Amino acid sequence: MIRLVALDIDGTVVHGRRPPTRRVLDAIALAGSRAEVMLCTGRTVVGVAPALDAIGLSRGVTLTSNGAVEMDTGTRRVLSVARFERAVVADALERMTALFPGAVFACEHVGVGQRISAPFPDGILAGTVSEVGPAGLLDEPTPKLIMYWPGHSPAETAARAADLHVEGTEPTLDHELPWVTMVPAGVSKASGLARVADRLGIDRSEVLAVGDGDNDRAMLRWAGRGIAMGQAPPQVHADADETTATVADDGLAHALERAFG
């Protein structure tokens, strides 16, 4: 029996900037009538708000920033934050600057937005964006560090990232943008989901998780039933128990209808 459903947002609930389809919303509501439903996303506290509003989730918790931040879904109050030590961020910035020439960086300012080293493309970051320069990124503790490599492809970024090793970090890649995300070592959607399930008295065998990205892989492996979206990269499919249709074809709805129909 499935008692907890964990959903990625981008590439799972929504397709690009489009809102969830009616079929997806109905399928999430069906799942919510039988189990606890929560979002587990790489988005920030600020960035997740539109998705919560669109879906209508108003109870339980939401995991943001790849599991580094836990938020009360109803009140939108931040419950816990796992932050980097300053020295780890400094090391990561130094190594990524050398490995990705011309890259720009952002550190999450929880509940506010992002503090950036230099301009990012318009609309790519949620909340208030403050340009503080590379040195300014070290002024405040952060749960998440982002690297964006302008003018390069996700494949180029992934190839370079194979040589990226920063102690104290948990890096993940984006398969649609030249983007590397880092959160503190040991932090992931899986670790956050395990914490929530334990608090609710739910065994991992009773958890269903759906996602499409590198940051979903640990969650799909941990959940008793991990489902990869159809458009996910091969390595994500390899970590899942099953595959559904693509996000463009309402794959999440197909998966939840099969599970709860």
C-alpha atoms as a PDB file:
ATOM      1  CA  MET A   1       0.000   0.000   0.000  1.00  0.00           C
ATOM      2  CA  ILE A   2       1.259   3.450  -0.917  1.00  0.00           C
ATOM      3  CA  ARG A   3       1.016   5.910   1.984  1.00  0.00           C
ATOM      4  CA  LEU A   4       3.360   8.689   0.814  1.00  0.00           C
ATOM      5  CA  VAL A   5       3.825  10.157  -2.667  1.00  0.00           C
ATOM      6  CA  ALA A   6       6.863  12.323  -3.427  1.00  0.00           C
ATOM      7  CA  LEU A   7       6.755  14.396  -6.614  1.00  0.00           C
ATOM      8  CA  ASP A   8       9.426  16.339  -8.426  1.00  0.00           C
ATOM      9  CA  ILE A   9       8.082  19.517 -10.068  1.00  0.00           C
ATOM     10  CA  ASP A  10       9.947  20.549 -13.213  1.00  0.00           C
ATOM     11  CA  GLY A  11       9.712  17.880 -15.873  1.00  0.00           C
ATOM     12  CA  THR A  12       7.260  15.909 -13.737  1.00  0.00           C
ATOM     13  CA  VAL A  13       4.334  18.064 -12.583  1.00  0.00           C
ATOM     14  CA  VAL A  14       4.941  20.885 -15.058  1.00  0.00           C
ATOM     15  CA  HIS A  15       6.352  21.109 -18.570  1.00  0.00           C
ATOM     16  CA  GLY A  16       8.517  24.204 -18.921  1.00  0.00           C
ATOM     17  CA  ARG A  17       6.602  27.337 -17.966  1.00  0.00           C
ATOM     18  CA  ARG A  18       3.214  25.748 -18.591  1.00  0.00           C
ATOM     19  CA  PRO A  19       0.928  25.137 -15.583  1.00  0.00           C
ATOM     20  CA  PRO A  20      -0.042  21.570 -14.683  1.00  0.00           C
ATOM     21  CA  THR A  21      -2.672  20.110 -16.983  1.00  0.00           C
ATOM     22  CA  ARG A  22      -6.143  19.304 -15.697  1.00  0.00           C
ATOM     23  CA  ARG A  23      -5.434  15.586 -15.950  1.00  0.00           C
ATOM     24  CA  VAL A  24      -2.273  15.928 -13.853  1.00  0.00           C
ATOM     25  CA  LEU A  25      -4.083  18.005 -11.230  1.00  0.00           C
ATOM     26  CA  ASP A  26      -6.888  15.447 -11.043  1.00  0.00           C
ATOM     27  CA  ALA A  27      -4.395  12.599 -10.685  1.00  0.00           C
ATOM     28  CA  ILE A  28      -2.569  14.385  -7.851  1.00  0.00           C
ATOM     29  CA  ALA A  29      -5.925  14.974  -6.141  1.00  0.00           C
ATOM     30  CA  LEU A  30      -6.711  11.254  -6.510  1.00  0.00           C
ATOM     31  CA  ALA A  31      -3.381  10.343  -4.931  1.00  0.00           C
ATOM     32  CA  GLY A  32      -4.022  12.863  -2.156  1.00  0.00           C
ATOM     33  CA  SER A  33      -7.299  11.164  -1.303  1.00  0.00           C
ATOM     34  CA  ARG A  34      -5.439   7.899  -0.600  1.00  0.00           C
ATOM     35  CA  ALA A  35      -2.006   9.001   0.645  1.00  0.00           C
ATOM     36  CA  GLU A  36       0.102  11.930   1.776  1.00  0.00           C
ATOM     37  CA  VAL A  37       1.393  13.909  -1.195  1.00  0.00           C
ATOM     38  CA  MET A  38       4.452  16.154  -1.029  1.00  0.00           C
ATOM     39  CA  LEU A  39       6.693  18.014  -3.446  1.00  0.00           C
ATOM     40  CA  CYS A  40      10.453  17.320  -3.475  1.00  0.00           C
ATOM     41  CA  THR A  41      12.168  19.865  -5.682  1.00  0.00           C
ATOM     42  CA  GLY A  42      15.374  21.620  -6.537  1.00  0.00           C
ATOM     43  CA  ARG A  43      13.449  24.889  -6.490  1.00  0.00           C
ATOM     44  CA  THR A  44      13.831  27.302  -3.600  1.00  0.00           C
ATOM     45  CA  VAL A  45      11.196  28.190  -0.992  1.00  0.00           C
ATOM     46  CA  VAL A  46      10.300  31.204  -3.151  1.00  0.00           C
ATOM     47  CA  GLY A  47      10.326  29.244  -6.385  1.00  0.00           C
ATOM     48  CA  VAL A  48       8.100  26.427  -5.147  1.00  0.00           C
ATOM     49  CA  ALA A  49       5.205  28.700  -4.163  1.00  0.00           C
ATOM     50  CA  PRO A  50       3.582  28.918  -7.641  1.00  0.00           C
ATOM     51  CA  ALA A  51       3.542  25.114  -7.935  1.00  0.00           C
ATOM     52  CA  LEU A  52       1.956  24.696  -4.506  1.00  0.00           C
ATOM     53  CA  ASP A  53      -0.661  27.272  -5.434  1.00  0.00           C
ATOM     54  CA  ALA A  54      -1.383  25.622  -8.790  1.00  0.00           C
ATOM     55  CA  ILE A  55      -1.730  22.152  -7.270  1.00  0.00           C
ATOM     56  CA  GLY A  56      -3.586  23.325  -4.189  1.00  0.00           C
ATOM     57  CA  LEU A  57      -1.446  21.472  -1.653  1.00  0.00           C
ATOM     58  CA  SER A  58      -2.070  22.896   1.813  1.00  0.00           C
ATOM     59  CA  ARG A  59      -0.855  20.315   4.330  1.00  0.00           C
ATOM     60  CA  GLY A  60       2.238  18.375   5.253  1.00  0.00           C
ATOM     61  CA  VAL A  61       5.730  19.471   4.298  1.00  0.00           C
ATOM     62  CA  THR A  62       7.579  20.411   1.133  1.00  0.00           C
ATOM     63  CA  LEU A  63      11.248  19.686   0.483  1.00  0.00           C
ATOM     64  CA  THR A  64      13.055  22.371  -1.507  1.00  0.00           C
ATOM     65  CA  SER A  65      16.650  22.949  -2.613  1.00  0.00           C
ATOM     66  CA  ASN A  66      17.197  19.232  -3.269  1.00  0.00           C
ATOM     67  CA  GLY A  67      16.234  18.372   0.293  1.00  0.00           C
ATOM     68  CA  ALA A  68      18.334  21.025   2.046  1.00  0.00           C
ATOM     69  CA  VAL A  69      15.279  23.022   3.139  1.00  0.00           C
ATOM     70  CA  GLU A  70      12.073  21.700   4.704  1.00  0.00           C
ATOM     71  CA  MET A  71       8.991  23.911   4.685  1.00  0.00           C
ATOM     72  CA  ASP A  72       5.506  23.662   6.174  1.00  0.00           C
ATOM     73  CA  THR A  73       3.282  23.407   3.112  1.00  0.00           C
ATOM     74  CA  GLY A  74       0.287  25.153   4.633  1.00  0.00           C
ATOM     75  CA  THR A  75       1.961  28.122   6.298  1.00  0.00           C
ATOM     76  CA  ARG A  76       5.030  28.268   3.977  1.00  0.00           C
ATOM     77  CA  ARG A  77       7.166  28.567   7.117  1.00  0.00           C
ATOM     78  CA  VAL A  78      10.717  27.206   6.869  1.00  0.00           C
ATOM     79  CA  LEU A  79      11.169  24.369   9.369  1.00  0.00           C
ATOM     80  CA  SER A  80      14.809  23.406   8.854  1.00  0.00           C
ATOM     81  CA  VAL A  81      17.814  24.326   6.709  1.00  0.00           C
ATOM     82  CA  ALA A  82      21.038  22.410   6.084  1.00  0.00           C
ATOM     83  CA  ARG A  83      23.704  25.028   5.311  1.00  0.00           C
ATOM     84  CA  PHE A  84      27.258  24.822   3.986  1.00  0.00           C
ATOM     85  CA  GLU A  85      30.290  25.781   5.982  1.00  0.00           C
ATOM     86  CA  ARG A  86      31.904  28.909   4.488  1.00  0.00           C
ATOM     87  CA  ALA A  87      35.135  27.071   3.640  1.00  0.00           C
ATOM     88  CA  VAL A  88      33.242  24.500   1.560  1.00  0.00           C
ATOM     89  CA  VAL A  89      31.591  27.193  -0.565  1.00  0.00           C
ATOM     90  CA  ALA A  90      34.948  28.934  -1.029  1.00  0.00           C
ATOM     91  CA  ASP A  91      36.531  25.674  -2.186  1.00  0.00           C
ATOM     92  CA  ALA A  92      33.636  24.914  -4.544  1.00  0.00           C
ATOM     93  CA  LEU A  93      33.789  28.381  -6.102  1.00  0.00           C
ATOM     94  CA  GLU A  94      37.525  28.127  -6.650  1.00  0.00           C
ATOM     95  CA  ARG A  95      37.326  24.706  -8.257  1.00  0.00           C
ATOM     96  CA  MET A  96      34.337  25.503 -10.467  1.00  0.00           C
ATOM     97  CA  THR A  97      35.786  28.843 -11.598  1.00  0.00           C
ATOM     98  CA  ALA A  98      38.864  26.977 -12.829  1.00  0.00           C
ATOM     99  CA  LEU A  99      36.881  24.150 -14.432  1.00  0.00           C
ATOM    100  CA  PHE A 100      34.138  26.292 -16.015  1.00  0.00           C
ATOM    101  CA  PRO A 101      35.714  29.552 -17.311  1.00  0.00           C
ATOM    102  CA  GLY A 102      33.156  32.351 -17.530  1.00  0.00           C
ATOM    103  CA  ALA A 103      30.672  30.630 -15.209  1.00  0.00           C
ATOM    104  CA  VAL A 104      28.352  32.606 -12.964  1.00  0.00           C
ATOM    105  CA  PHE A 105      27.266  31.537  -9.496  1.00  0.00           C
ATOM    106  CA  ALA A 106      24.287  31.924  -7.177  1.00  0.00           C
ATOM    107  CA  CYS A 107      23.821  31.195  -3.472  1.00  0.00           C
ATOM    108  CA  GLU A 108      20.301  30.756  -2.171  1.00  0.00           C
ATOM    109  CA  HIS A 109      19.064  33.358   0.312  1.00  0.00           C
ATOM    110  CA  VAL A 110      16.359  31.278   1.998  1.00  0.00           C
ATOM    111  CA  GLY A 111      12.906  32.798   1.743  1.00  0.00           C
ATOM    112  CA  VAL A 112      14.180  35.780  -0.247  1.00  0.00           C
ATOM    113  CA  GLY A 113      15.818  34.705  -3.487  1.00  0.00           C
ATOM    114  CA  GLN A 114      19.388  34.469  -4.715  1.00  0.00           C
ATOM    115  CA  ARG A 115      22.687  36.258  -4.215  1.00  0.00           C
ATOM    116  CA  ILE A 116      24.688  36.121  -7.464  1.00  0.00           C
ATOM    117  CA  SER A 117      28.269  36.665  -8.572  1.00  0.00           C
ATOM    118  CA  ALA A 118      27.224  38.188 -11.919  1.00  0.00           C
ATOM    119  CA  PRO A 119      24.015  38.439 -13.994  1.00  0.00           C
ATOM    120  CA  PHE A 120      22.064  35.298 -14.899  1.00  0.00           C
ATOM    121  CA  PRO A 121      19.597  35.097 -17.827  1.00  0.00           C
ATOM    122  CA  ASP A 122      16.342  36.923 -17.075  1.00  0.00           C
ATOM    123  CA  GLY A 123      13.673  34.839 -15.363  1.00  0.00           C
ATOM    124  CA  ILE A 124      15.875  31.864 -14.545  1.00  0.00           C
ATOM    125  CA  LEU A 125      16.089  32.572 -10.803  1.00  0.00           C
ATOM    126  CA  ALA A 126      13.112  33.062  -8.466  1.00  0.00           C
ATOM    127  CA  GLY A 127      12.676  35.796  -5.882  1.00  0.00           C
ATOM    128  CA  THR A 128      14.850  38.822  -5.221  1.00  0.00           C
ATOM    129  CA  VAL A 129      18.178  38.576  -7.016  1.00  0.00           C
ATOM    130  CA  SER A 130      21.075  40.586  -5.553  1.00  0.00           C
ATOM    131  CA  GLU A 131      24.409  40.903  -7.376  1.00  0.00           C
ATOM    132  CA  VAL A 132      27.147  40.751  -4.741  1.00  0.00           C
ATOM    133  CA  GLY A 133      30.201  39.652  -6.738  1.00  0.00           C
ATOM    134  CA  PRO A 134      32.137  36.397  -6.202  1.00  0.00           C
ATOM    135  CA  ALA A 135      33.492  37.433  -2.796  1.00  0.00           C
ATOM    136  CA  GLY A 136      30.048  38.483  -1.590  1.00  0.00           C
ATOM    137  CA  LEU A 137      28.756  34.947  -2.017  1.00  0.00           C
ATOM    138  CA  LEU A 138      30.719  34.003   1.092  1.00  0.00           C
ATOM    139  CA  ASP A 139      29.155  36.641   3.323  1.00  0.00           C
ATOM    140  CA  GLU A 140      26.072  34.619   4.327  1.00  0.00           C
ATOM    141  CA  PRO A 141      25.586  30.870   4.975  1.00  0.00           C
ATOM    142  CA  THR A 142      23.625  29.103   2.228  1.00  0.00           C
ATOM    143  CA  PRO A 143      22.005  25.697   1.679  1.00  0.00           C
ATOM    144  CA  LYS A 144      22.540  25.671  -2.093  1.00  0.00           C
ATOM    145  CA  LEU A 145      25.166  26.815  -4.580  1.00  0.00           C
ATOM    146  CA  ILE A 146      24.415  27.008  -8.307  1.00  0.00           C
ATOM    147  CA  MET A 147      26.830  27.249 -11.218  1.00  0.00           C
ATOM    148  CA  TYR A 148      25.551  28.361 -14.653  1.00  0.00           C
ATOM    149  CA  TRP A 149      27.917  28.154 -17.656  1.00  0.00           C
ATOM    150  CA  PRO A 150      26.744  30.630 -20.330  1.00  0.00           C
ATOM    151  CA  GLY A 151      27.208  29.609 -23.952  1.00  0.00           C
ATOM    152  CA  HIS A 152      27.716  25.937 -23.211  1.00  0.00           C
ATOM    153  CA  SER A 153      25.520  22.860 -23.435  1.00  0.00           C
ATOM    154  CA  PRO A 154      24.361  20.515 -20.678  1.00  0.00           C
ATOM    155  CA  ALA A 155      26.497  17.780 -22.274  1.00  0.00           C
ATOM    156  CA  GLU A 156      29.644  19.950 -22.138  1.00  0.00           C
ATOM    157  CA  THR A 157      28.863  20.825 -18.547  1.00  0.00           C
ATOM    158  CA  ALA A 158      28.382  17.185 -17.581  1.00  0.00           C
ATOM    159  CA  ALA A 159      31.652  16.200 -19.242  1.00  0.00           C
ATOM    160  CA  ARG A 160      33.591  18.834 -17.284  1.00  0.00           C
ATOM    161  CA  ALA A 161      31.715  18.049 -14.071  1.00  0.00           C
ATOM    162  CA  ALA A 162      33.050  14.489 -14.196  1.00  0.00           C
ATOM    163  CA  ASP A 163      36.315  15.985 -12.925  1.00  0.00           C
ATOM    164  CA  LEU A 164      34.613  18.059 -10.225  1.00  0.00           C
ATOM    165  CA  HIS A 165      35.168  16.783  -6.693  1.00  0.00           C
ATOM    166  CA  VAL A 166      34.545  19.104  -3.765  1.00  0.00           C
ATOM    167  CA  GLU A 167      34.617  17.629  -0.286  1.00  0.00           C
ATOM    168  CA  GLY A 168      31.524  18.496   1.743  1.00  0.00           C
ATOM    169  CA  THR A 169      29.191  18.831  -1.239  1.00  0.00           C
ATOM    170  CA  GLU A 170      26.507  16.790  -2.980  1.00  0.00           C
ATOM    171  CA  PRO A 171      26.493  17.883  -6.668  1.00  0.00           C
ATOM    172  CA  THR A 172      23.800  17.220  -9.263  1.00  0.00           C
ATOM    173  CA  LEU A 173      23.475  18.178 -12.931  1.00  0.00           C
ATOM    174  CA  ASP A 174      20.662  19.552 -15.071  1.00  0.00           C
ATOM    175  CA  HIS A 175      19.948  17.760 -18.356  1.00  0.00           C
ATOM    176  CA  GLU A 176      18.305  20.826 -19.929  1.00  0.00           C
ATOM    177  CA  LEU A 177      20.602  23.664 -18.769  1.00  0.00           C
ATOM    178  CA  PRO A 178      24.405  24.066 -18.375  1.00  0.00           C
ATOM    179  CA  TRP A 179      23.931  24.000 -14.634  1.00  0.00           C
ATOM    180  CA  VAL A 180      25.506  22.365 -11.584  1.00  0.00           C
ATOM    181  CA  THR A 181      23.776  22.456  -8.191  1.00  0.00           C
ATOM    182  CA  MET A 182      25.535  21.726  -4.915  1.00  0.00           C
ATOM    183  CA  VAL A 183      24.020  21.127  -1.487  1.00  0.00           C
ATOM    184  CA  PRO A 184      25.821  19.941   1.674  1.00  0.00           C
ATOM    185  CA  ALA A 185      27.199  16.412   1.623  1.00  0.00           C
ATOM    186  CA  GLY A 186      24.674  13.820   2.743  1.00  0.00           C
ATOM    187  CA  VAL A 187      21.740  16.024   1.732  1.00  0.00           C
ATOM    188  CA  SER A 188      19.403  14.916  -1.056  1.00  0.00           C
ATOM    189  CA  LYS A 189      15.755  14.511  -1.851  1.00  0.00           C
ATOM    190  CA  ALA A 190      16.179  10.958  -0.577  1.00  0.00           C
ATOM    191  CA  SER A 191      17.575  11.995   2.801  1.00  0.00           C
ATOM    192  CA  GLY A 192      14.796  14.530   3.285  1.00  0.00           C
ATOM    193  CA  LEU A 193      12.141  12.067   2.193  1.00  0.00           C
ATOM    194  CA  ALA A 194      13.492   9.424   4.549  1.00  0.00           C
ATOM    195  CA  ARG A 195      13.296  11.911   7.433  1.00  0.00           C
ATOM    196  CA  VAL A 196       9.692  12.806   6.625  1.00  0.00           C
ATOM    197  CA  ALA A 197       8.647   9.167   6.205  1.00  0.00           C
ATOM    198  CA  ASP A 198      10.232   8.230   9.519  1.00  0.00           C
ATOM    199  CA  ARG A 199       8.390  11.043  11.265  1.00  0.00           C
ATOM    200  CA  LEU A 200       5.100   9.806   9.804  1.00  0.00           C
ATOM    201  CA  GLY A 201       5.800   6.177  10.654  1.00  0.00           C
ATOM    202  CA  ILE A 202       5.854   5.215   6.986  1.00  0.00           C
ATOM    203  CA  ASP A 203       8.185   2.500   5.677  1.00  0.00           C
ATOM    204  CA  ARG A 204      10.110   3.173   2.470  1.00  0.00           C
ATOM    205  CA  SER A 205       8.236   0.277   0.868  1.00  0.00           C
ATOM    206  CA  GLU A 206       5.092   2.425   1.210  1.00  0.00           C
ATOM    207  CA  VAL A 207       6.606   5.406  -0.645  1.00  0.00           C
ATOM    208  CA  LEU A 208       6.084   6.207  -4.327  1.00  0.00           C
ATOM    209  CA  ALA A 209       8.385   8.787  -5.938  1.00  0.00           C
ATOM    210  CA  VAL A 210       8.286  10.293  -9.435  1.00  0.00           C
ATOM    211  CA  GLY A 211      10.986  12.384 -11.102  1.00  0.00           C
ATOM    212  CA  ASP A 212      13.054  13.025 -14.208  1.00  0.00           C
ATOM    213  CA  GLY A 213      16.398  14.526 -13.208  1.00  0.00           C
ATOM    214  CA  ASP A 214      19.817  13.794 -11.791  1.00  0.00           C
ATOM    215  CA  ASN A 215      18.666  15.250  -8.472  1.00  0.00           C
ATOM    216  CA  ASP A 216      15.823  12.678  -8.398  1.00  0.00           C
ATOM    217  CA  ARG A 217      18.000   9.602  -8.743  1.00  0.00           C
ATOM    218  CA  ALA A 218      18.661   9.005  -5.051  1.00  0.00           C
ATOM    219  CA  MET A 219      14.976   9.545  -4.270  1.00  0.00           C
ATOM    220  CA  LEU A 220      13.898   7.052  -6.944  1.00  0.00           C
ATOM    221  CA  ARG A 221      16.355   4.485  -5.598  1.00  0.00           C
ATOM    222  CA  TRP A 222      15.246   5.012  -2.003  1.00  0.00           C
ATOM    223  CA  ALA A 223      11.488   4.857  -2.551  1.00  0.00           C
ATOM    224  CA  GLY A 224       9.774   1.493  -2.583  1.00  0.00           C
ATOM    225  CA  ARG A 225       8.388   2.411  -6.004  1.00  0.00           C
ATOM    226  CA  GLY A 226      10.447   4.845  -8.066  1.00  0.00           C
ATOM    227  CA  ILE A 227       9.015   6.026 -11.388  1.00  0.00           C
ATOM    228  CA  ALA A 228      11.034   7.853 -14.053  1.00  0.00           C
ATOM    229  CA  MET A 229       9.380  10.258 -16.462  1.00  0.00           C
ATOM    230  CA  GLY A 230       9.603   9.195 -20.104  1.00  0.00           C
ATOM    231  CA  GLN A 231      11.945  12.010 -21.172  1.00  0.00           C
ATOM    232  CA  ALA A 232      14.408  11.406 -18.323  1.00  0.00           C
ATOM    233  CA  PRO A 233      18.041  10.591 -19.193  1.00  0.00           C
ATOM    234  CA  PRO A 234      19.030   6.906 -19.290  1.00  0.00           C
ATOM    235  CA  GLN A 235      20.781   7.010 -15.912  1.00  0.00           C
ATOM    236  CA  VAL A 236      17.548   8.165 -14.253  1.00  0.00           C
ATOM    237  CA  HIS A 237      15.620   5.304 -15.850  1.00  0.00           C
ATOM    238  CA  ALA A 238      18.302   2.910 -14.603  1.00  0.00           C
ATOM    239  CA  ASP A 239      17.647   4.016 -11.017  1.00  0.00           C
ATOM    240  CA  ALA A 240      13.853   3.710 -11.249  1.00  0.00           C
ATOM    241  CA  ASP A 241      11.618   0.669 -10.881  1.00  0.00           C
ATOM    242  CA  GLU A 242       9.454   1.660 -13.806  1.00  0.00           C
ATOM    243  CA  THR A 243       8.896   4.313 -16.471  1.00  0.00           C
ATOM    244  CA  THR A 244       5.876   6.380 -17.400  1.00  0.00           C
ATOM    245  CA  ALA A 245       5.096   8.637 -20.362  1.00  0.00           C
ATOM    246  CA  THR A 246       6.833  11.979 -20.893  1.00  0.00           C
ATOM    247  CA  VAL A 247       5.789  15.160 -19.128  1.00  0.00           C
ATOM    248  CA  ALA A 248       4.415  16.451 -22.449  1.00  0.00           C
ATOM    249  CA  ASP A 249       2.111  13.402 -22.516  1.00  0.00           C
ATOM    250  CA  ASP A 250       0.966  13.715 -18.883  1.00  0.00           C
ATOM    251  CA  GLY A 251       3.244  10.940 -17.695  1.00  0.00           C
ATOM    252  CA  LEU A 252       2.682  11.791 -14.041  1.00  0.00           C
ATOM    253  CA  ALA A 253      -1.066  11.382 -14.485  1.00  0.00           C
ATOM    254  CA  HIS A 254      -0.529   7.986 -16.120  1.00  0.00           C
ATOM    255  CA  ALA A 255       1.649   6.877 -13.202  1.00  0.00           C
ATOM    256  CA  LEU A 256      -0.702   8.042 -10.455  1.00  0.00           C
ATOM    257  CA  GLU A 257      -3.779   6.680 -12.217  1.00  0.00           C
ATOM    258  CA  ARG A 258      -2.091   3.268 -12.405  1.00  0.00           C
ATOM    259  CA  ALA A 259      -1.094   3.437  -8.752  1.00  0.00           C
ATOM    260  CA  PHE A 260      -4.411   4.684  -7.327  1.00  0.00           C
ATOM    261  CA  GLY A 261      -7.034   4.050 -10.008  1.00  0.00           C
END
